[in-house]
C-alpha atoms as a PDB file:
ATOM      1  CA  MET A   1     101.567  97.115  62.422  1.00  0.00           C
ATOM      2  CA  LYS A   2     103.211 100.349  63.494  1.00  0.00           C
ATOM      3  CA  LEU A   3     101.340 102.660  65.838  1.00  0.00           C
ATOM      4  CA  ALA A   4     101.241 106.308  64.881  1.00  0.00           C
ATOM      5  CA  HIS A   5     101.379 107.286  68.562  1.00  0.00           C
ATOM      6  CA  PRO A   6     103.285 104.800  70.696  1.00  0.00           C
ATOM      7  CA  ILE A   7     101.827 104.162  74.115  1.00  0.00           C
ATOM      8  CA  PRO A   8     104.116 105.666  76.756  1.00  0.00           C
ATOM      9  CA  PRO A   9     105.358 103.436  79.569  1.00  0.00           C
ATOM     10  CA  VAL A  10     103.226 103.552  82.681  1.00  0.00           C
ATOM     11  CA  LEU A  11     104.348 103.292  86.264  1.00  0.00           C
ATOM     12  CA  THR A  12     101.846 103.270  89.066  1.00  0.00           C
ATOM     13  CA  ILE A  13     103.203 104.071  92.517  1.00  0.00           C
ATOM     14  CA  HIS A  14     100.959 103.405  95.470  1.00  0.00           C
ATOM     15  CA  SER A  15     102.347 104.700  98.736  1.00  0.00           C
ATOM     16  CA  HIS A  16     101.375 103.860 102.262  1.00  0.00           C
ATOM     17  CA  GLU A  17     102.787 104.897 105.614  1.00  0.00           C
ATOM     18  CA  LEU A  18     102.598 102.509 108.541  1.00  0.00           C
ATOM     19  CA  ASP A  19     104.225 103.207 111.920  1.00  0.00           C
ATOM     20  CA  GLY A  20     106.995 105.366 110.422  1.00  0.00           C
ATOM     21  CA  SER A  21     107.620 102.951 107.562  1.00  0.00           C
ATOM     22  CA  VAL A  22     106.768 103.849 104.001  1.00  0.00           C
ATOM     23  CA  VAL A  23     105.830 101.193 101.470  1.00  0.00           C
ATOM     24  CA  LEU A  24     105.978 102.139  97.794  1.00  0.00           C
ATOM     25  CA  ARG A  25     104.318  99.598  95.550  1.00  0.00           C
ATOM     26  CA  LEU A  26     105.627  99.928  91.993  1.00  0.00           C
ATOM     27  CA  CYS A  27     103.654  98.436  89.115  1.00  0.00           C
ATOM     28  CA  GLY A  28     104.479  98.723  85.431  1.00  0.00           C
ATOM     29  CA  GLU A  29     107.727 100.050  84.001  1.00  0.00           C
ATOM     30  CA  LEU A  30     110.479 101.960  85.771  1.00  0.00           C
ATOM     31  CA  ASP A  31     112.503 103.654  83.071  1.00  0.00           C
ATOM     32  CA  VAL A  32     113.841 106.980  81.858  1.00  0.00           C
ATOM     33  CA  SER A  33     110.346 108.433  81.509  1.00  0.00           C
ATOM     34  CA  THR A  34     108.899 107.114  84.784  1.00  0.00           C
ATOM     35  CA  ALA A  35     111.882 107.375  87.146  1.00  0.00           C
ATOM     36  CA  PRO A  36     111.268 111.052  88.095  1.00  0.00           C
ATOM     37  CA  PRO A  37     107.916 110.432  89.863  1.00  0.00           C
ATOM     38  CA  PHE A  38     109.485 107.472  91.659  1.00  0.00           C
ATOM     39  CA  ALA A  39     112.439 109.604  92.775  1.00  0.00           C
ATOM     40  CA  GLU A  40     109.996 112.269  93.983  1.00  0.00           C
ATOM     41  CA  ALA A  41     108.073 109.721  96.063  1.00  0.00           C
ATOM     42  CA  VAL A  42     111.320 108.465  97.623  1.00  0.00           C
ATOM     43  CA  THR A  43     112.488 112.003  98.384  1.00  0.00           C
ATOM     44  CA  THR A  44     109.134 112.852  99.966  1.00  0.00           C
ATOM     45  CA  ALA A  45     109.292 109.763 102.189  1.00  0.00           C
ATOM     46  CA  SER A  46     112.828 110.639 103.236  1.00  0.00           C
ATOM     47  CA  GLU A  47     111.995 114.275 103.955  1.00  0.00           C
ATOM     48  CA  ARG A  48     109.135 113.156 106.175  1.00  0.00           C
ATOM     49  CA  GLY A  49     111.551 111.149 108.290  1.00  0.00           C
ATOM     50  CA  ALA A  50     110.599 107.608 107.308  1.00  0.00           C
ATOM     51  CA  SER A  51     112.400 105.055 109.471  1.00  0.00           C
ATOM     52  CA  GLU A  52     112.037 102.399 106.788  1.00  0.00           C
ATOM     53  CA  LEU A  53     111.434 102.401 103.042  1.00  0.00           C
ATOM     54  CA  LEU A  54     110.134  99.233 101.480  1.00  0.00           C
ATOM     55  CA  LEU A  55     109.826  98.937  97.708  1.00  0.00           C
ATOM     56  CA  ASP A  56     107.213  96.384  96.734  1.00  0.00           C
ATOM     57  CA  ILE A  57     108.434  95.542  93.232  1.00  0.00           C
ATOM     58  CA  GLY A  58     106.483  92.324  92.757  1.00  0.00           C
ATOM     59  CA  CYS A  59     104.502  93.729  89.831  1.00  0.00           C
ATOM     60  CA  LEU A  60     107.278  95.773  88.235  1.00  0.00           C
ATOM     61  CA  GLU A  61     107.451  94.402  84.684  1.00  0.00           C
ATOM     62  CA  PHE A  62     110.451  96.274  83.297  1.00  0.00           C
ATOM     63  CA  VAL A  63     113.392  98.300  84.573  1.00  0.00           C
ATOM     64  CA  ASP A  64     115.967 100.029  82.364  1.00  0.00           C
ATOM     65  CA  SER A  65     119.322 101.459  83.449  1.00  0.00           C
ATOM     66  CA  THR A  66     117.728 104.718  84.586  1.00  0.00           C
ATOM     67  CA  GLY A  67     115.208 102.810  86.702  1.00  0.00           C
ATOM     68  CA  LEU A  68     117.987 100.707  88.212  1.00  0.00           C
ATOM     69  CA  ARG A  69     119.928 103.861  89.008  1.00  0.00           C
ATOM     70  CA  ALA A  70     116.782 105.312  90.661  1.00  0.00           C
ATOM     71  CA  ILE A  71     116.404 102.228  92.887  1.00  0.00           C
ATOM     72  CA  LEU A  72     120.078 102.410  93.886  1.00  0.00           C
ATOM     73  CA  ALA A  73     119.701 106.153  94.557  1.00  0.00           C
ATOM     74  CA  ALA A  74     116.713 105.395  96.803  1.00  0.00           C
ATOM     75  CA  LYS A  75     118.853 102.952  98.773  1.00  0.00           C
ATOM     76  CA  ALA A  76     121.656 105.536  99.059  1.00  0.00           C
ATOM     77  CA  LEU A  77     119.224 108.234 100.203  1.00  0.00           C
ATOM     78  CA  CYS A  78     117.937 105.902 102.904  1.00  0.00           C
ATOM     79  CA  GLU A  79     121.488 105.217 104.063  1.00  0.00           C
ATOM     80  CA  GLN A  80     122.154 108.968 104.293  1.00  0.00           C
ATOM     81  CA  HIS A  81     119.056 109.433 106.472  1.00  0.00           C
ATOM     82  CA  SER A  82     119.517 106.333 108.669  1.00  0.00           C
ATOM     83  CA  CYS A  83     116.459 104.760 107.090  1.00  0.00           C
ATOM     84  CA  GLU A  84     116.151 101.002 106.600  1.00  0.00           C
ATOM     85  CA  PHE A  85     115.749 100.004 102.949  1.00  0.00           C
ATOM     86  CA  ALA A  86     114.445  96.774 101.426  1.00  0.00           C
ATOM     87  CA  ILE A  87     112.755  95.430  98.325  1.00  0.00           C
ATOM     88  CA  THR A  88     110.339  92.562  97.890  1.00  0.00           C
ATOM     89  CA  GLU A  89     111.111  89.656  95.598  1.00  0.00           C
ATOM     90  CA  PRO A  90     111.318  91.042  92.048  1.00  0.00           C
ATOM     91  CA  THR A  91     109.628  89.632  88.974  1.00  0.00           C
ATOM     92  CA  PRO A  92     111.822  87.240  86.960  1.00  0.00           C
ATOM     93  CA  ALA A  93     112.696  89.885  84.338  1.00  0.00           C
ATOM     94  CA  VAL A  94     113.683  92.467  86.946  1.00  0.00           C
ATOM     95  CA  LYS A  95     115.554  89.865  88.990  1.00  0.00           C
ATOM     96  CA  ARG A  96     117.542  88.957  85.875  1.00  0.00           C
ATOM     97  CA  LEU A  97     118.523  92.626  85.438  1.00  0.00           C
ATOM     98  CA  PHE A  98     119.705  92.746  89.058  1.00  0.00           C
ATOM     99  CA  GLN A  99     121.708  89.527  88.541  1.00  0.00           C
ATOM    100  CA  VAL A 100     123.328  90.651  85.279  1.00  0.00           C
ATOM    101  CA  THR A 101     124.325  94.010  86.744  1.00  0.00           C
ATOM    102  CA  GLY A 102     125.595  92.506  90.005  1.00  0.00           C
ATOM    103  CA  THR A 103     123.180  94.530  92.125  1.00  0.00           C
ATOM    104  CA  LEU A 104     120.954  91.707  93.429  1.00  0.00           C
ATOM    105  CA  ASP A 105     123.201  90.991  96.418  1.00  0.00           C
ATOM    106  CA  HIS A 106     123.366  94.706  97.281  1.00  0.00           C
ATOM    107  CA  LEU A 107     119.613  95.213  97.548  1.00  0.00           C
ATOM    108  CA  PRO A 108     118.260  93.929 100.867  1.00  0.00           C
ATOM    109  CA  ARG A 109     115.142  91.863 100.335  1.00  0.00           C
ATOM    110  CA  THR A 110     112.238  91.250 102.646  1.00  0.00           C
ATOM    111  CA  ASP A 111     109.845  88.354 102.708  1.00  0.00           C
ATOM    112  CA  VAL A 112     106.497  89.379 101.219  1.00  0.00           C
ATOM    113  CA  GLU A 113     104.862  87.384 104.017  1.00  0.00           C
ATOM    114  CA  GLY A 114     106.244  89.798 106.620  1.00  0.00           C
ATOM    115  CA  GLN A 115     103.517  91.131 108.911  1.00  0.00           C
ATOM    116  CA  ARG A 116     104.189  94.833 108.279  1.00  0.00           C
ATOM    117  CA  LEU A 117     104.120  94.442 104.501  1.00  0.00           C
ATOM    118  CA  ARG A 118     101.086  92.170 104.600  1.00  0.00           C
ATOM    119  CA  GLU A 119      99.141  94.776 106.583  1.00  0.00           C
ATOM    120  CA  ALA A 120     100.145  97.558 104.199  1.00  0.00           C
ATOM    121  CA  ILE A 121      99.340  95.643 101.020  1.00  0.00           C
ATOM    122  CA  GLN A 122      95.840  94.793 102.252  1.00  0.00           C
ATOM    123  CA  ILE A 123      94.797  98.430 101.926  1.00  0.00           C
ATOM    124  CA  TRP A 124      96.126  99.247  98.412  1.00  0.00           C
ATOM    125  CA  PRO A 125      95.521 101.716  97.024  1.00  0.00           C
ATOM    126  CA  PRO A 126      95.204 104.300  99.742  1.00  0.00           C
ATOM    127  CA  ALA A 127      92.605 106.980  99.151  1.00  0.00           C
ATOM    128  CA  GLY A 128      93.614 109.948  97.052  1.00  0.00           C
ATOM    129  CA  VAL A 129      96.609 108.574  95.143  1.00  0.00           C
ATOM    130  CA  ALA A 130      95.183 107.615  91.759  1.00  0.00           C
ATOM    131  CA  THR A 131      95.556 110.116  88.962  1.00  0.00           C
ATOM    132  CA  GLY A 132      94.473 110.098  85.358  1.00  0.00           C
ATOM    133  CA  ASN A 133      97.989 110.035  83.913  1.00  0.00           C
ATOM    134  CA  GLY A 134      99.002 106.591  85.179  1.00  0.00           C
ATOM    135  CA  TYR A 135     101.046 107.914  88.089  1.00  0.00           C
ATOM    136  CA  ALA A 136     100.032 107.694  91.711  1.00  0.00           C
ATOM    137  CA  THR A 137     102.820 109.294  93.654  1.00  0.00           C
ATOM    138  CA  PRO A 138     101.542 111.383  96.577  1.00  0.00           C
ATOM    139  CA  ILE A 139     102.232 110.010 100.033  1.00  0.00           C
ATOM    140  CA  PRO A 140      99.182 110.582 102.233  1.00  0.00           C
ATOM    141  CA  GLN A 141      99.560 113.457 104.682  1.00  0.00           C
ATOM    142  CA  ARG A 142     100.187 112.539 108.290  1.00  0.00           C
ATOM    143  CA  THR A 143      97.401 113.501 110.612  1.00  0.00           C
ATOM    144  CA  ALA A 144      97.979 114.858 114.084  1.00  0.00           C
ATOM    145  CA  GLY A 145      97.026 112.464 116.736  1.00  0.00           C
END
């Protein structure tokens, strides 16, 4: 059965800031149509002076070449801004892409059991990030204090 209107890929990005570190949890598909909101979230984190960027990719189901390029660009942007960069353990399909392209060994990974990540994941999604179009990209504003 062919659909008259194909369902567009969906990427949900939940962001959370914790002690200068930004965690972006990516769920769904990172591809040519969903890479721009991801790139925007990474740029926003970098512009705000994040000391660490962690990509939680444990529920990322699919990544195409554009999505892979966006992840590598995020890593490069972190390097330019002296920001630590790491990913969580990828799903088997995404891990296979990283292996086939030779990028797996160039993407620092962190243990999902790490204390900082565990604390951040417990509060997904932060208030005010869900939108009706399947994207959730805004990083919550820092409050003075």
